[in-house]
Amino acid sequence: MEKPFNPDYCVLPGLTVADAMQDKELTVATMAERSGQTEEYVWGVITGAAQITEAFAQSLSEILGASATFWINRQRNFDEGKEAGKSITGWPDKLGEPCIPVTLCRASRRTPPPGK
């Protein structure tokens, strides 16, 4: 019998959002416009400064695919893992610098936010 997958880390939900946005060639500005959110909020979700709300999860479902429940569960799993003291897997690369894909910035009025 296989052991259940129980990693000692949690994955920033914004990483999944950004990957899906890249797959669909969406910028932060476009995602903000299509979801009815601000660019600051979308950047916040991507970087972990903001949480995925139920309303945004519904927008993610309609724009990027997967169910709203999938997106809510990504946030919940991250929050629970973080609370349990698991290490966080996300944007910072081995040098500690942010590595947010430049393609997400295209046509945005902003540059990528600084790393945490």
Protein backbone atom coordinates (compact mmCIF):
# COMPACT_ATOMS: atom_id res chain seq x y z
CA MET A 1 0.00 0.00 0.00
CA GLU A 2 1.29 3.45 -0.90
CA LYS A 3 1.90 6.07 1.74
CA PRO A 4 -0.12 9.28 1.29
CA PHE A 5 1.78 12.23 -0.13
CA ASN A 6 2.50 14.56 2.76
CA PRO A 7 5.31 16.96 1.82
CA ASP A 8 7.24 18.98 4.38
CA TYR A 9 6.68 22.13 2.32
CA CYS A 10 3.77 24.18 1.06
CA VAL A 11 3.49 25.75 -2.38
CA LEU A 12 2.62 29.41 -2.82
CA PRO A 13 -0.76 29.42 -4.64
CA GLY A 14 0.41 32.39 -6.72
CA LEU A 15 2.96 30.11 -8.37
CA THR A 16 0.12 28.04 -9.80
CA VAL A 17 -1.77 31.18 -10.83
CA ALA A 18 1.30 32.61 -12.58
CA ASP A 19 2.03 29.31 -14.37
CA ALA A 20 -1.55 29.15 -15.66
CA MET A 21 -1.40 32.81 -16.71
CA GLN A 22 1.79 32.16 -18.65
CA ASP A 23 0.23 29.14 -20.35
CA LYS A 24 -2.59 31.38 -21.55
CA GLU A 25 -0.21 34.29 -22.29
CA LEU A 26 -2.02 36.61 -19.89
CA THR A 27 -0.36 39.61 -18.27
CA VAL A 28 -1.16 40.86 -14.80
CA ALA A 29 -2.95 43.83 -16.37
CA THR A 30 -5.13 41.53 -18.47
CA MET A 31 -5.89 39.24 -15.54
CA ALA A 32 -6.83 42.23 -13.40
CA GLU A 33 -9.12 43.60 -16.09
CA ARG A 34 -10.81 40.28 -16.85
CA SER A 35 -11.27 39.37 -13.18
CA GLY A 36 -12.46 42.80 -12.06
CA GLN A 37 -9.57 43.08 -9.61
CA THR A 38 -6.74 45.58 -9.35
CA GLU A 39 -3.26 44.85 -10.67
CA GLU A 40 -2.01 45.27 -7.09
CA TYR A 41 -4.32 42.50 -5.90
CA VAL A 42 -3.29 40.13 -8.71
CA TRP A 43 0.40 40.84 -7.98
CA GLY A 44 -0.39 40.23 -4.31
CA VAL A 45 -1.83 36.80 -5.05
CA ILE A 46 1.15 35.93 -7.26
CA THR A 47 3.70 36.99 -4.64
CA GLY A 48 1.79 35.71 -1.62
CA ALA A 49 0.95 39.13 -0.20
CA ALA A 50 -2.79 38.57 -0.84
CA GLN A 51 -5.00 35.53 -0.51
CA ILE A 52 -7.23 33.98 -3.14
CA THR A 53 -10.79 34.94 -2.20
CA GLU A 54 -13.88 33.00 -3.24
CA ALA A 55 -14.74 35.70 -5.79
CA PHE A 56 -11.25 35.63 -7.28
CA ALA A 57 -11.28 31.81 -7.27
CA GLN A 58 -14.43 31.97 -9.40
CA SER A 59 -12.72 34.38 -11.80
CA LEU A 60 -9.64 32.14 -11.94
CA SER A 61 -11.88 29.20 -12.77
CA GLU A 62 -13.54 31.08 -15.62
CA ILE A 63 -10.32 32.60 -16.99
CA LEU A 64 -7.67 29.96 -16.32
CA GLY A 65 -9.66 26.78 -15.90
CA ALA A 66 -9.95 24.27 -13.04
CA SER A 67 -12.76 24.70 -10.55
CA ALA A 68 -13.16 27.50 -8.05
CA THR A 69 -12.79 24.78 -5.40
CA PHE A 70 -9.37 23.89 -6.82
CA TRP A 71 -8.17 27.49 -6.36
CA ILE A 72 -9.67 27.79 -2.86
CA ASN A 73 -8.00 24.49 -1.92
CA ARG A 74 -4.62 25.75 -3.20
CA GLN A 75 -4.95 28.71 -0.82
CA ARG A 76 -6.25 26.60 2.08
CA ASN A 77 -3.47 24.00 1.70
CA PHE A 78 -0.87 26.77 1.66
CA ASP A 79 -2.34 28.49 4.70
CA GLU A 80 -2.50 25.22 6.65
CA GLY A 81 1.04 24.26 5.67
CA LYS A 82 2.38 27.67 6.61
CA GLU A 83 0.56 27.51 9.96
CA ALA A 84 2.07 24.06 10.57
CA GLY A 85 5.55 25.50 10.05
CA LYS A 86 6.25 23.86 6.71
CA SER A 87 8.80 25.50 4.46
CA ILE A 88 7.37 27.61 1.67
CA THR A 89 8.07 26.84 -1.96
CA GLY A 90 7.48 29.79 -4.23
CA TRP A 91 9.20 32.53 -6.15
CA PRO A 92 12.58 33.19 -4.59
CA ASP A 93 15.39 31.49 -6.44
CA LYS A 94 18.52 30.11 -4.83
CA LEU A 95 20.04 33.59 -4.66
CA GLY A 96 17.05 34.97 -2.80
CA GLU A 97 15.98 37.22 -5.67
CA PRO A 98 12.48 37.18 -7.12
CA CYS A 99 12.16 35.32 -10.37
CA ILE A 100 8.71 36.40 -11.50
CA PRO A 101 8.42 35.75 -15.24
CA VAL A 102 8.85 38.89 -17.30
CA THR A 103 5.98 37.84 -19.58
CA LEU A 104 3.55 38.56 -16.75
CA CYS A 105 4.68 42.20 -16.83
CA ARG A 106 4.11 42.77 -20.53
CA ALA A 107 1.67 45.62 -21.10
CA SER A 108 1.42 46.22 -17.38
CA ARG A 109 1.86 49.70 -16.00
CA ARG A 110 4.04 48.23 -13.28
CA THR A 111 7.27 46.39 -12.99
CA PRO A 112 7.41 43.20 -10.93
CA PRO A 113 7.21 43.85 -7.21
CA PRO A 114 10.40 43.45 -5.21
CA GLY A 115 11.06 40.10 -3.52
CA LYS A 116 10.05 39.53 0.05
